[in-house]
Amino acid sequence: MNVLFRLISRDDDRAQIAGRGWSVTLARMNPLRQIVALLLLGVAAAVAAEAPKKVLVVSVTTGFRHSSIPTGEKVLGQLAAQSGLFTVDFVRQPEGMTGAPGRPRVGPKGEQDPAYQKALQKFEVDQKAYTEIWLPKAAAGLAKLSPASLKHYDAVLFLSTTGDLPLPDKQGFIDWIAAGHAFIGVHAAADTFHPFPPFIAMLGGEFKTHGAQVSVECLNQDPAHAACGPLPAKWTMFDEIYQFKNFERPKVHGLLTLDRHPNDKTPGDYPVAWCKNFGGGRVFYTSLGHREDVWDPAHAEKGGRKNPASDAELFQKHLVGGILWALGLAPGSAKP
């Protein structure tokens, strides 16, 4: 255990013990009791200071659901255990829940087409079940993001969430981050809460579109940052690469970017990962993580991996560095 407190002064009448940002004076005790109290206070302070941070991982989706989410959940649990610096708790998708049903389109034969009418009837049944059964189940799990429950956590991580999640208090969640907590977003976290501008402003960007999965050369913008220190200056990855709207480079600290469009190769600035301060809180976002072989060095798939195991290991280091930075446990600037 690191020494996280020190004795400033001690005499027959009083003793003063101090740690990082705090101090306590003990008075009117006999010397033996004073020493015992000092030891107990110091040990308590050290344990509190070294207690693992608590991260709440949310993988609920009301839109598209990525097949890599279960792999991401598994890997995050492993990374937390390996680090010893944070623990993870989960809010998972209710079993059997899919994304919101899509209304069928009217075909060339018009609204009276029997095929369209049949599809419309199915949509109405599915929509009723989604609204009356599945959304309440999702909302019950997401109660962990209420202002009262968030008091038990240091950070929230959105793992490829999509759609308008039924949070108990969306603005309260944003305020909680700004009050000095951490938010980590992975991949489709940027495809969440499109109708809620405060979330987009907090995150720093909003999913716009993507092309086919492709190999890209990510440029390391800040090797001194914990999320980028393990990465090479140019890091080649094969993944689904997002393009963003409502992204303002002057408001974020760049971590990874492309200098050309991922698919048509038009020169430009195409952000991949960034961080920022948000009020008193910290925000880290990486758009990588669509594919299972980005997450897991041991993942095997038909036709072979597109990313070698070594790149999945680098992605894990990138992600852990970002998480620890957001928790205030690792170095890195957030200056735009």
C-alpha atoms as a PDB file:
ATOM      1  CA  MET A   1       0.000   0.000   0.000  1.00  0.00           C
ATOM      2  CA  ASN A   2       1.273   3.440  -0.895  1.00  0.00           C
ATOM      3  CA  VAL A   3       1.839   5.981   1.884  1.00  0.00           C
ATOM      4  CA  LEU A   4      -1.075   8.328   1.374  1.00  0.00           C
ATOM      5  CA  PHE A   5      -0.929  10.258   4.647  1.00  0.00           C
ATOM      6  CA  ARG A   6       1.689  11.798   6.928  1.00  0.00           C
ATOM      7  CA  LEU A   7       2.051  13.106  10.446  1.00  0.00           C
ATOM      8  CA  ILE A   8       2.509  16.875  10.295  1.00  0.00           C
ATOM      9  CA  SER A   9       3.019  17.535  14.013  1.00  0.00           C
ATOM     10  CA  ARG A  10       2.518  15.883  17.357  1.00  0.00           C
ATOM     11  CA  ASP A  11       2.883  16.976  20.993  1.00  0.00           C
ATOM     12  CA  ASP A  12       1.262  16.151  24.303  1.00  0.00           C
ATOM     13  CA  ASP A  13      -1.863  18.172  23.533  1.00  0.00           C
ATOM     14  CA  ARG A  14      -2.602  17.421  19.905  1.00  0.00           C
ATOM     15  CA  ALA A  15      -1.506  15.729  16.697  1.00  0.00           C
ATOM     16  CA  GLN A  16      -2.202  16.575  13.093  1.00  0.00           C
ATOM     17  CA  ILE A  17      -2.398  14.054  10.269  1.00  0.00           C
ATOM     18  CA  ALA A  18      -2.756  15.033   6.617  1.00  0.00           C
ATOM     19  CA  GLY A  19      -3.297  13.392   3.269  1.00  0.00           C
ATOM     20  CA  ARG A  20      -3.889  14.597  -0.228  1.00  0.00           C
ATOM     21  CA  GLY A  21      -6.279  17.508   0.148  1.00  0.00           C
ATOM     22  CA  TRP A  22      -7.245  16.881   3.775  1.00  0.00           C
ATOM     23  CA  SER A  23      -5.974  17.139   7.343  1.00  0.00           C
ATOM     24  CA  VAL A  24      -7.317  16.214  10.768  1.00  0.00           C
ATOM     25  CA  THR A  25      -6.268  17.505  14.189  1.00  0.00           C
ATOM     26  CA  LEU A  26      -6.647  15.236  17.212  1.00  0.00           C
ATOM     27  CA  ALA A  27      -6.697  16.976  20.621  1.00  0.00           C
ATOM     28  CA  ARG A  28      -7.099  16.149  24.319  1.00  0.00           C
ATOM     29  CA  MET A  29      -6.082  12.495  24.050  1.00  0.00           C
ATOM     30  CA  ASN A  30      -3.523  10.606  25.993  1.00  0.00           C
ATOM     31  CA  PRO A  31      -0.495   9.685  23.869  1.00  0.00           C
ATOM     32  CA  LEU A  32      -1.459   6.029  23.394  1.00  0.00           C
ATOM     33  CA  ARG A  33      -5.008   6.802  22.252  1.00  0.00           C
ATOM     34  CA  GLN A  34      -3.638   9.555  20.028  1.00  0.00           C
ATOM     35  CA  ILE A  35      -1.291   7.130  18.280  1.00  0.00           C
ATOM     36  CA  VAL A  36      -4.052   4.527  17.824  1.00  0.00           C
ATOM     37  CA  ALA A  37      -6.409   7.156  16.394  1.00  0.00           C
ATOM     38  CA  LEU A  38      -3.714   8.364  14.024  1.00  0.00           C
ATOM     39  CA  LEU A  39      -3.113   4.844  12.765  1.00  0.00           C
ATOM     40  CA  LEU A  40      -6.812   4.138  12.288  1.00  0.00           C
ATOM     41  CA  LEU A  41      -7.392   7.398  10.450  1.00  0.00           C
ATOM     42  CA  GLY A  42      -4.379   6.873   8.256  1.00  0.00           C
ATOM     43  CA  VAL A  43      -5.307   3.320   7.323  1.00  0.00           C
ATOM     44  CA  ALA A  44      -8.893   4.348   6.595  1.00  0.00           C
ATOM     45  CA  ALA A  45      -7.675   7.197   4.399  1.00  0.00           C
ATOM     46  CA  ALA A  46      -5.287   4.919   2.514  1.00  0.00           C
ATOM     47  CA  VAL A  47      -7.943   2.289   1.898  1.00  0.00           C
ATOM     48  CA  ALA A  48     -10.434   4.900   0.707  1.00  0.00           C
ATOM     49  CA  ALA A  49      -7.894   6.480  -1.594  1.00  0.00           C
ATOM     50  CA  GLU A  50      -6.937   3.140  -3.121  1.00  0.00           C
ATOM     51  CA  ALA A  51     -10.434   1.652  -3.420  1.00  0.00           C
ATOM     52  CA  PRO A  52     -11.174   0.708  -7.048  1.00  0.00           C
ATOM     53  CA  LYS A  53     -13.314   3.164  -8.962  1.00  0.00           C
ATOM     54  CA  LYS A  54     -16.773   1.965  -9.973  1.00  0.00           C
ATOM     55  CA  VAL A  55     -17.746   2.012 -13.649  1.00  0.00           C
ATOM     56  CA  LEU A  56     -21.307   1.343 -14.811  1.00  0.00           C
ATOM     57  CA  VAL A  57     -21.327  -0.215 -18.302  1.00  0.00           C
ATOM     58  CA  VAL A  58     -24.523   0.316 -20.297  1.00  0.00           C
ATOM     59  CA  SER A  59     -25.124  -1.866 -23.374  1.00  0.00           C
ATOM     60  CA  VAL A  60     -28.849  -1.274 -23.901  1.00  0.00           C
ATOM     61  CA  THR A  61     -29.947  -0.453 -27.457  1.00  0.00           C
ATOM     62  CA  THR A  62     -33.218   0.770 -28.896  1.00  0.00           C
ATOM     63  CA  GLY A  63     -31.845   1.009 -32.437  1.00  0.00           C
ATOM     64  CA  PHE A  64     -29.291  -1.131 -34.281  1.00  0.00           C
ATOM     65  CA  ARG A  65     -27.631  -3.702 -32.046  1.00  0.00           C
ATOM     66  CA  HIS A  66     -23.988  -4.591 -32.667  1.00  0.00           C
ATOM     67  CA  SER A  67     -23.007  -8.261 -32.546  1.00  0.00           C
ATOM     68  CA  SER A  68     -19.757  -7.269 -30.801  1.00  0.00           C
ATOM     69  CA  ILE A  69     -21.528  -6.097 -27.625  1.00  0.00           C
ATOM     70  CA  PRO A  70     -21.247  -9.435 -25.751  1.00  0.00           C
ATOM     71  CA  THR A  71     -17.542  -9.558 -26.652  1.00  0.00           C
ATOM     72  CA  GLY A  72     -17.127  -6.010 -25.405  1.00  0.00           C
ATOM     73  CA  GLU A  73     -18.861  -6.843 -22.126  1.00  0.00           C
ATOM     74  CA  LYS A  74     -16.579  -9.846 -21.613  1.00  0.00           C
ATOM     75  CA  VAL A  75     -13.417  -7.898 -22.415  1.00  0.00           C
ATOM     76  CA  LEU A  76     -14.355  -4.968 -20.165  1.00  0.00           C
ATOM     77  CA  GLY A  77     -14.851  -7.365 -17.272  1.00  0.00           C
ATOM     78  CA  GLN A  78     -11.428  -8.869 -17.933  1.00  0.00           C
ATOM     79  CA  LEU A  79      -9.728  -5.487 -18.229  1.00  0.00           C
ATOM     80  CA  ALA A  80     -11.255  -4.268 -14.973  1.00  0.00           C
ATOM     81  CA  ALA A  81     -10.080  -7.369 -13.129  1.00  0.00           C
ATOM     82  CA  GLN A  82      -6.595  -7.141 -14.628  1.00  0.00           C
ATOM     83  CA  SER A  83      -6.156  -3.474 -13.775  1.00  0.00           C
ATOM     84  CA  GLY A  84      -7.367  -3.676 -10.199  1.00  0.00           C
ATOM     85  CA  LEU A  85      -8.073   0.050 -10.450  1.00  0.00           C
ATOM     86  CA  PHE A  86     -11.743  -0.119 -11.381  1.00  0.00           C
ATOM     87  CA  THR A  87     -14.662  -2.503 -11.231  1.00  0.00           C
ATOM     88  CA  VAL A  88     -17.547  -2.836 -13.669  1.00  0.00           C
ATOM     89  CA  ASP A  89     -21.263  -3.240 -13.151  1.00  0.00           C
ATOM     90  CA  PHE A  90     -23.611  -3.757 -16.105  1.00  0.00           C
ATOM     91  CA  VAL A  91     -26.969  -2.606 -17.404  1.00  0.00           C
ATOM     92  CA  ARG A  92     -27.652  -5.152 -20.147  1.00  0.00           C
ATOM     93  CA  GLN A  93     -30.352  -5.537 -22.759  1.00  0.00           C
ATOM     94  CA  PRO A  94     -33.429  -7.378 -21.457  1.00  0.00           C
ATOM     95  CA  GLU A  95     -33.294 -10.909 -22.835  1.00  0.00           C
ATOM     96  CA  GLY A  96     -35.346 -11.169 -26.029  1.00  0.00           C
ATOM     97  CA  MET A  97     -35.523  -7.402 -26.618  1.00  0.00           C
ATOM     98  CA  THR A  98     -34.738  -6.189 -30.127  1.00  0.00           C
ATOM     99  CA  GLY A  99     -34.620  -2.717 -31.617  1.00  0.00           C
ATOM    100  CA  ALA A 100     -37.720  -0.623 -32.192  1.00  0.00           C
ATOM    101  CA  PRO A 101     -39.796  -2.053 -35.090  1.00  0.00           C
ATOM    102  CA  GLY A 102     -39.719  -0.116 -38.339  1.00  0.00           C
ATOM    103  CA  ARG A 103     -42.900   0.986 -40.063  1.00  0.00           C
ATOM    104  CA  PRO A 104     -43.263  -0.681 -43.474  1.00  0.00           C
ATOM    105  CA  ARG A 105     -42.974   1.452 -46.579  1.00  0.00           C
ATOM    106  CA  VAL A 106     -45.837   1.819 -49.006  1.00  0.00           C
ATOM    107  CA  GLY A 107     -45.025  -0.031 -52.203  1.00  0.00           C
ATOM    108  CA  PRO A 108     -45.948   0.784 -55.809  1.00  0.00           C
ATOM    109  CA  LYS A 109     -49.380  -0.848 -55.387  1.00  0.00           C
ATOM    110  CA  GLY A 110     -50.366   1.656 -52.699  1.00  0.00           C
ATOM    111  CA  GLU A 111     -51.691   1.405 -49.184  1.00  0.00           C
ATOM    112  CA  GLN A 112     -54.434  -1.061 -50.129  1.00  0.00           C
ATOM    113  CA  ASP A 113     -51.928  -3.660 -51.272  1.00  0.00           C
ATOM    114  CA  PRO A 114     -52.619  -6.816 -49.175  1.00  0.00           C
ATOM    115  CA  ALA A 115     -48.904  -7.365 -48.653  1.00  0.00           C
ATOM    116  CA  TYR A 116     -48.511  -3.845 -47.268  1.00  0.00           C
ATOM    117  CA  GLN A 117     -51.590  -4.226 -45.050  1.00  0.00           C
ATOM    118  CA  LYS A 118     -50.228  -7.483 -43.638  1.00  0.00           C
ATOM    119  CA  ALA A 119     -46.854  -5.868 -42.910  1.00  0.00           C
ATOM    120  CA  LEU A 120     -48.608  -2.887 -41.321  1.00  0.00           C
ATOM    121  CA  GLN A 121     -50.632  -5.131 -39.018  1.00  0.00           C
ATOM    122  CA  LYS A 122     -47.466  -6.930 -37.913  1.00  0.00           C
ATOM    123  CA  PHE A 123     -45.775  -3.588 -37.276  1.00  0.00           C
ATOM    124  CA  GLU A 124     -48.636  -2.422 -35.076  1.00  0.00           C
ATOM    125  CA  VAL A 125     -48.501  -5.626 -33.011  1.00  0.00           C
ATOM    126  CA  ASP A 126     -44.724  -5.394 -32.667  1.00  0.00           C
ATOM    127  CA  GLN A 127     -44.880  -1.684 -31.808  1.00  0.00           C
ATOM    128  CA  LYS A 128     -47.454  -2.314 -29.091  1.00  0.00           C
ATOM    129  CA  ALA A 129     -45.273  -5.053 -27.558  1.00  0.00           C
ATOM    130  CA  TYR A 130     -42.179  -2.882 -27.805  1.00  0.00           C
ATOM    131  CA  THR A 131     -43.871   0.080 -26.113  1.00  0.00           C
ATOM    132  CA  GLU A 132     -45.798  -1.808 -23.439  1.00  0.00           C
ATOM    133  CA  ILE A 133     -43.391  -4.661 -22.640  1.00  0.00           C
ATOM    134  CA  TRP A 134     -39.822  -4.073 -23.773  1.00  0.00           C
ATOM    135  CA  LEU A 135     -39.319  -0.374 -23.074  1.00  0.00           C
ATOM    136  CA  PRO A 136     -40.524  -0.707 -19.456  1.00  0.00           C
ATOM    137  CA  LYS A 137     -38.127  -3.648 -18.965  1.00  0.00           C
ATOM    138  CA  ALA A 138     -35.264  -1.605 -20.353  1.00  0.00           C
ATOM    139  CA  ALA A 139     -36.253   1.364 -18.196  1.00  0.00           C
ATOM    140  CA  ALA A 140     -36.197  -0.833 -15.089  1.00  0.00           C
ATOM    141  CA  GLY A 141     -32.559  -1.739 -15.714  1.00  0.00           C
ATOM    142  CA  LEU A 142     -31.635   1.815 -16.608  1.00  0.00           C
ATOM    143  CA  ALA A 143     -32.909   2.963 -13.201  1.00  0.00           C
ATOM    144  CA  LYS A 144     -29.262   2.567 -12.181  1.00  0.00           C
ATOM    145  CA  LEU A 145     -28.697   5.844 -14.029  1.00  0.00           C
ATOM    146  CA  SER A 146     -31.039   7.801 -11.774  1.00  0.00           C
ATOM    147  CA  PRO A 147     -29.385  10.650  -9.852  1.00  0.00           C
ATOM    148  CA  ALA A 148     -29.760   8.683  -6.610  1.00  0.00           C
ATOM    149  CA  SER A 149     -28.197   5.489  -8.000  1.00  0.00           C
ATOM    150  CA  LEU A 150     -25.381   7.313  -9.795  1.00  0.00           C
ATOM    151  CA  LYS A 151     -24.040   8.343  -6.394  1.00  0.00           C
ATOM    152  CA  HIS A 152     -22.579   4.830  -6.192  1.00  0.00           C
ATOM    153  CA  TYR A 153     -20.509   5.175  -9.386  1.00  0.00           C
ATOM    154  CA  ASP A 154     -17.503   7.147 -10.606  1.00  0.00           C
ATOM    155  CA  ALA A 155     -18.067   6.667 -14.334  1.00  0.00           C
ATOM    156  CA  VAL A 156     -20.602   5.484 -16.886  1.00  0.00           C
ATOM    157  CA  LEU A 157     -19.510   3.728 -20.067  1.00  0.00           C
ATOM    158  CA  PHE A 158     -21.861   3.484 -23.071  1.00  0.00           C
ATOM    159  CA  LEU A 159     -20.928   0.324 -24.977  1.00  0.00           C
ATOM    160  CA  SER A 160     -22.321   0.745 -28.508  1.00  0.00           C
ATOM    161  CA  THR A 161     -25.639   1.997 -27.188  1.00  0.00           C
ATOM    162  CA  THR A 162     -28.068   3.233 -29.827  1.00  0.00           C
ATOM    163  CA  GLY A 163     -31.338   5.116 -29.948  1.00  0.00           C
ATOM    164  CA  ASP A 164     -33.224   7.107 -27.345  1.00  0.00           C
ATOM    165  CA  LEU A 165     -32.651   5.160 -24.132  1.00  0.00           C
ATOM    166  CA  PRO A 166     -35.410   5.396 -21.498  1.00  0.00           C
ATOM    167  CA  LEU A 167     -33.286   6.954 -18.758  1.00  0.00           C
ATOM    168  CA  PRO A 168     -35.112   8.093 -15.616  1.00  0.00           C
ATOM    169  CA  ASP A 169     -33.599  11.596 -15.846  1.00  0.00           C
ATOM    170  CA  LYS A 170     -31.566  12.414 -18.962  1.00  0.00           C
ATOM    171  CA  GLN A 171     -30.645  15.925 -17.884  1.00  0.00           C
ATOM    172  CA  GLY A 172     -29.819  14.674 -14.404  1.00  0.00           C
ATOM    173  CA  PHE A 173     -27.393  12.215 -16.004  1.00  0.00           C
ATOM    174  CA  ILE A 174     -25.676  15.009 -17.953  1.00  0.00           C
ATOM    175  CA  ASP A 175     -25.513  17.139 -14.814  1.00  0.00           C
ATOM    176  CA  TRP A 176     -23.955  14.226 -12.910  1.00  0.00           C
ATOM    177  CA  ILE A 177     -21.095  14.051 -15.419  1.00  0.00           C
ATOM    178  CA  ALA A 178     -20.546  17.813 -15.273  1.00  0.00           C
ATOM    179  CA  ALA A 179     -20.461  17.650 -11.472  1.00  0.00           C
ATOM    180  CA  GLY A 180     -17.126  15.822 -11.569  1.00  0.00           C
ATOM    181  CA  HIS A 181     -17.703  12.311 -12.871  1.00  0.00           C
ATOM    182  CA  ALA A 182     -16.585  10.444 -15.980  1.00  0.00           C
ATOM    183  CA  PHE A 183     -18.224   9.360 -19.210  1.00  0.00           C
ATOM    184  CA  ILE A 184     -16.675   6.885 -21.625  1.00  0.00           C
ATOM    185  CA  GLY A 185     -18.252   6.234 -25.017  1.00  0.00           C
ATOM    186  CA  VAL A 186     -17.378   3.369 -27.342  1.00  0.00           C
ATOM    187  CA  HIS A 187     -18.318   3.157 -31.042  1.00  0.00           C
ATOM    188  CA  ALA A 188     -22.121   3.540 -31.345  1.00  0.00           C
ATOM    189  CA  ALA A 189     -22.346   5.602 -28.167  1.00  0.00           C
ATOM    190  CA  ALA A 190     -22.274   8.469 -30.683  1.00  0.00           C
ATOM    191  CA  ASP A 191     -25.446   7.001 -32.262  1.00  0.00           C
ATOM    192  CA  THR A 192     -27.425   7.568 -29.060  1.00  0.00           C
ATOM    193  CA  PHE A 193     -29.814  10.352 -27.991  1.00  0.00           C
ATOM    194  CA  HIS A 194     -29.924  12.140 -31.348  1.00  0.00           C
ATOM    195  CA  PRO A 195     -32.988  14.149 -30.257  1.00  0.00           C
ATOM    196  CA  PHE A 196     -31.269  15.290 -27.024  1.00  0.00           C
ATOM    197  CA  PRO A 197     -28.732  18.077 -27.753  1.00  0.00           C
ATOM    198  CA  PRO A 198     -27.222  18.156 -24.226  1.00  0.00           C
ATOM    199  CA  PHE A 199     -25.920  14.615 -24.727  1.00  0.00           C
ATOM    200  CA  ILE A 200     -24.364  15.501 -28.086  1.00  0.00           C
ATOM    201  CA  ALA A 201     -22.750  18.596 -26.571  1.00  0.00           C
ATOM    202  CA  MET A 202     -21.356  16.530 -23.705  1.00  0.00           C
ATOM    203  CA  LEU A 203     -19.950  13.853 -26.011  1.00  0.00           C
ATOM    204  CA  GLY A 204     -18.485  16.294 -28.514  1.00  0.00           C
ATOM    205  CA  GLY A 205     -19.838  14.751 -31.710  1.00  0.00           C
ATOM    206  CA  GLU A 206     -22.753  12.849 -33.235  1.00  0.00           C
ATOM    207  CA  PHE A 207     -22.805   9.874 -35.583  1.00  0.00           C
ATOM    208  CA  LYS A 208     -23.694  10.868 -39.147  1.00  0.00           C
ATOM    209  CA  THR A 209     -22.913   7.884 -41.383  1.00  0.00           C
ATOM    210  CA  HIS A 210     -20.413   5.206 -42.249  1.00  0.00           C
ATOM    211  CA  GLY A 211     -19.248   3.358 -45.315  1.00  0.00           C
ATOM    212  CA  ALA A 212     -18.117  -0.208 -45.775  1.00  0.00           C
ATOM    213  CA  GLN A 213     -15.683  -1.636 -43.266  1.00  0.00           C
ATOM    214  CA  VAL A 214     -12.190  -0.706 -44.329  1.00  0.00           C
ATOM    215  CA  SER A 215      -8.536  -0.660 -43.337  1.00  0.00           C
ATOM    216  CA  VAL A 216      -7.448   2.805 -42.190  1.00  0.00           C
ATOM    217  CA  GLU A 217      -4.300   4.409 -40.861  1.00  0.00           C
ATOM    218  CA  CYS A 218      -5.107   6.133 -37.565  1.00  0.00           C
ATOM    219  CA  LEU A 219      -2.773   8.992 -36.695  1.00  0.00           C
ATOM    220  CA  ASN A 220      -1.694   9.205 -33.066  1.00  0.00           C
ATOM    221  CA  GLN A 221      -2.326  12.829 -32.083  1.00  0.00           C
ATOM    222  CA  ASP A 222      -1.038  12.696 -28.505  1.00  0.00           C
ATOM    223  CA  PRO A 223       1.498   9.984 -27.566  1.00  0.00           C
ATOM    224  CA  ALA A 224       1.724  11.510 -24.066  1.00  0.00           C
ATOM    225  CA  HIS A 225      -1.930  10.685 -23.352  1.00  0.00           C
ATOM    226  CA  ALA A 226      -2.728   7.434 -21.542  1.00  0.00           C
ATOM    227  CA  ALA A 227      -5.112   6.392 -24.338  1.00  0.00           C
ATOM    228  CA  CYS A 228      -2.434   6.814 -26.994  1.00  0.00           C
ATOM    229  CA  GLY A 229       0.859   6.092 -25.249  1.00  0.00           C
ATOM    230  CA  PRO A 230       0.844   2.377 -26.162  1.00  0.00           C
ATOM    231  CA  LEU A 231      -0.010   3.102 -29.823  1.00  0.00           C
ATOM    232  CA  PRO A 232       2.364   3.633 -32.739  1.00  0.00           C
ATOM    233  CA  ALA A 233       2.494   6.969 -34.567  1.00  0.00           C
ATOM    234  CA  LYS A 234       0.440   5.376 -37.359  1.00  0.00           C
ATOM    235  CA  TRP A 235      -1.865   2.546 -36.376  1.00  0.00           C
ATOM    236  CA  THR A 236      -3.561   0.458 -39.062  1.00  0.00           C
ATOM    237  CA  MET A 237      -6.982  -0.941 -38.121  1.00  0.00           C
ATOM    238  CA  PHE A 238      -9.788  -2.639 -40.052  1.00  0.00           C
ATOM    239  CA  ASP A 239     -13.175  -1.539 -38.735  1.00  0.00           C
ATOM    240  CA  GLU A 240     -16.389   0.305 -39.471  1.00  0.00           C
ATOM    241  CA  ILE A 241     -15.272   3.939 -39.439  1.00  0.00           C
ATOM    242  CA  TYR A 242     -17.774   6.587 -38.441  1.00  0.00           C
ATOM    243  CA  GLN A 243     -18.150  10.061 -39.835  1.00  0.00           C
ATOM    244  CA  PHE A 244     -19.607  12.697 -37.524  1.00  0.00           C
ATOM    245  CA  LYS A 245     -21.757  15.800 -37.460  1.00  0.00           C
ATOM    246  CA  ASN A 246     -21.860  18.469 -34.765  1.00  0.00           C
ATOM    247  CA  PHE A 247     -18.184  17.806 -34.144  1.00  0.00           C
ATOM    248  CA  GLU A 248     -16.112  20.897 -33.372  1.00  0.00           C
ATOM    249  CA  ARG A 249     -12.374  20.295 -33.319  1.00  0.00           C
ATOM    250  CA  PRO A 250     -11.671  23.424 -31.199  1.00  0.00           C
ATOM    251  CA  LYS A 251     -13.808  21.990 -28.382  1.00  0.00           C
ATOM    252  CA  VAL A 252     -12.077  18.608 -27.974  1.00  0.00           C
ATOM    253  CA  HIS A 253      -8.587  17.212 -27.474  1.00  0.00           C
ATOM    254  CA  GLY A 254      -7.766  14.955 -30.411  1.00  0.00           C
ATOM    255  CA  LEU A 255      -6.372  11.479 -29.755  1.00  0.00           C
ATOM    256  CA  LEU A 256      -6.758   9.583 -33.044  1.00  0.00           C
ATOM    257  CA  THR A 257      -7.716  10.896 -36.457  1.00  0.00           C
ATOM    258  CA  LEU A 258      -7.514  10.189 -40.176  1.00  0.00           C
ATOM    259  CA  ASP A 259      -6.085  12.637 -42.695  1.00  0.00           C
ATOM    260  CA  ARG A 260      -8.318  11.316 -45.467  1.00  0.00           C
ATOM    261  CA  HIS A 261     -11.830   9.921 -45.863  1.00  0.00           C
ATOM    262  CA  PRO A 262     -11.846   6.251 -44.839  1.00  0.00           C
ATOM    263  CA  ASN A 263     -13.511   5.071 -48.027  1.00  0.00           C
ATOM    264  CA  ASP A 264     -13.066   7.559 -50.878  1.00  0.00           C
ATOM    265  CA  LYS A 265      -9.717   8.868 -49.529  1.00  0.00           C
ATOM    266  CA  THR A 266     -10.612  12.551 -49.894  1.00  0.00           C
ATOM    267  CA  PRO A 267      -8.071  14.555 -47.812  1.00  0.00           C
ATOM    268  CA  GLY A 268      -9.462  16.068 -44.616  1.00  0.00           C
ATOM    269  CA  ASP A 269      -9.825  15.708 -40.857  1.00  0.00           C
ATOM    270  CA  TYR A 270     -11.800  12.630 -39.841  1.00  0.00           C
ATOM    271  CA  PRO A 271     -11.762  12.152 -36.042  1.00  0.00           C
ATOM    272  CA  VAL A 272     -11.586   8.653 -34.574  1.00  0.00           C
ATOM    273  CA  ALA A 273     -11.062   9.265 -30.838  1.00  0.00           C
ATOM    274  CA  TRP A 274     -10.987  12.302 -28.562  1.00  0.00           C
ATOM    275  CA  CYS A 275     -11.339  13.469 -24.981  1.00  0.00           C
ATOM    276  CA  LYS A 276     -12.537  16.651 -23.311  1.00  0.00           C
ATOM    277  CA  ASN A 277     -13.379  18.255 -20.014  1.00  0.00           C
ATOM    278  CA  PHE A 278     -17.073  18.727 -19.380  1.00  0.00           C
ATOM    279  CA  GLY A 279     -17.710  21.029 -16.465  1.00  0.00           C
ATOM    280  CA  GLY A 280     -15.896  19.295 -13.622  1.00  0.00           C
ATOM    281  CA  GLY A 281     -16.097  15.915 -15.363  1.00  0.00           C
ATOM    282  CA  ARG A 282     -14.093  14.107 -18.033  1.00  0.00           C
ATOM    283  CA  VAL A 283     -15.234  12.558 -21.315  1.00  0.00           C
ATOM    284  CA  PHE A 284     -13.379   9.973 -23.427  1.00  0.00           C
ATOM    285  CA  TYR A 285     -14.737   8.635 -26.717  1.00  0.00           C
ATOM    286  CA  THR A 286     -13.377   6.137 -29.233  1.00  0.00           C
ATOM    287  CA  SER A 287     -15.294   5.260 -32.379  1.00  0.00           C
ATOM    288  CA  LEU A 288     -13.460   1.961 -32.853  1.00  0.00           C
ATOM    289  CA  GLY A 289     -15.017  -1.287 -31.653  1.00  0.00           C
ATOM    290  CA  HIS A 290     -17.528  -2.402 -34.290  1.00  0.00           C
ATOM    291  CA  ARG A 291     -15.855  -5.737 -34.895  1.00  0.00           C
ATOM    292  CA  GLU A 292     -15.259  -8.595 -32.473  1.00  0.00           C
ATOM    293  CA  ASP A 293     -11.648  -8.955 -33.623  1.00  0.00           C
ATOM    294  CA  VAL A 294     -11.001  -5.343 -32.631  1.00  0.00           C
ATOM    295  CA  TRP A 295     -11.901  -6.266 -29.058  1.00  0.00           C
ATOM    296  CA  ASP A 296     -10.632  -9.784 -28.543  1.00  0.00           C
ATOM    297  CA  PRO A 297      -7.173 -11.152 -29.452  1.00  0.00           C
ATOM    298  CA  ALA A 298      -8.549 -14.700 -29.171  1.00  0.00           C
ATOM    299  CA  HIS A 299     -11.622 -14.179 -31.359  1.00  0.00           C
ATOM    300  CA  ALA A 300     -11.907 -16.540 -34.308  1.00  0.00           C
ATOM    301  CA  GLU A 301     -14.272 -16.028 -37.205  1.00  0.00           C
ATOM    302  CA  LYS A 302     -15.103 -17.773 -40.445  1.00  0.00           C
ATOM    303  CA  GLY A 303     -12.783 -16.583 -43.172  1.00  0.00           C
ATOM    304  CA  GLY A 304     -10.126 -15.438 -40.717  1.00  0.00           C
ATOM    305  CA  ARG A 305      -9.469 -12.296 -38.716  1.00  0.00           C
ATOM    306  CA  LYS A 306      -9.154  -8.886 -40.356  1.00  0.00           C
ATOM    307  CA  ASN A 307      -7.200  -7.527 -37.375  1.00  0.00           C
ATOM    308  CA  PRO A 308      -4.241  -9.436 -35.918  1.00  0.00           C
ATOM    309  CA  ALA A 309      -4.328 -10.305 -32.222  1.00  0.00           C
ATOM    310  CA  SER A 310      -1.652  -7.678 -31.591  1.00  0.00           C
ATOM    311  CA  ASP A 311      -3.998  -4.915 -32.762  1.00  0.00           C
ATOM    312  CA  ALA A 312      -6.788  -6.124 -30.463  1.00  0.00           C
ATOM    313  CA  GLU A 313      -4.278  -5.961 -27.619  1.00  0.00           C
ATOM    314  CA  LEU A 314      -3.441  -2.393 -28.621  1.00  0.00           C
ATOM    315  CA  PHE A 315      -7.142  -1.506 -28.736  1.00  0.00           C
ATOM    316  CA  GLN A 316      -7.536  -2.839 -25.199  1.00  0.00           C
ATOM    317  CA  LYS A 317      -4.632  -0.680 -24.039  1.00  0.00           C
ATOM    318  CA  HIS A 318      -6.139   2.316 -25.857  1.00  0.00           C
ATOM    319  CA  LEU A 319      -9.478   1.731 -24.134  1.00  0.00           C
ATOM    320  CA  VAL A 320      -8.056   1.101 -20.661  1.00  0.00           C
ATOM    321  CA  GLY A 321      -5.897   4.211 -20.977  1.00  0.00           C
ATOM    322  CA  GLY A 322      -8.973   6.250 -21.854  1.00  0.00           C
ATOM    323  CA  ILE A 323     -10.986   4.799 -18.979  1.00  0.00           C
ATOM    324  CA  LEU A 324      -8.230   5.434 -16.445  1.00  0.00           C
ATOM    325  CA  TRP A 325      -7.723   8.966 -17.771  1.00  0.00           C
ATOM    326  CA  ALA A 326     -11.446   9.692 -17.456  1.00  0.00           C
ATOM    327  CA  LEU A 327     -11.326   8.400 -13.878  1.00  0.00           C
ATOM    328  CA  GLY A 328      -8.401  10.691 -13.074  1.00  0.00           C
ATOM    329  CA  LEU A 329      -6.020   7.748 -12.640  1.00  0.00           C
ATOM    330  CA  ALA A 330      -3.789   8.223 -15.678  1.00  0.00           C
ATOM    331  CA  PRO A 331      -2.026  11.193 -17.305  1.00  0.00           C
ATOM    332  CA  GLY A 332      -3.162  13.154 -20.319  1.00  0.00           C
ATOM    333  CA  SER A 333      -4.226  16.577 -21.453  1.00  0.00           C
ATOM    334  CA  ALA A 334      -7.764  17.561 -22.396  1.00  0.00           C
ATOM    335  CA  LYS A 335      -6.743  20.950 -23.772  1.00  0.00           C
ATOM    336  CA  PRO A 336      -8.219  21.493 -27.242  1.00  0.00           C
END
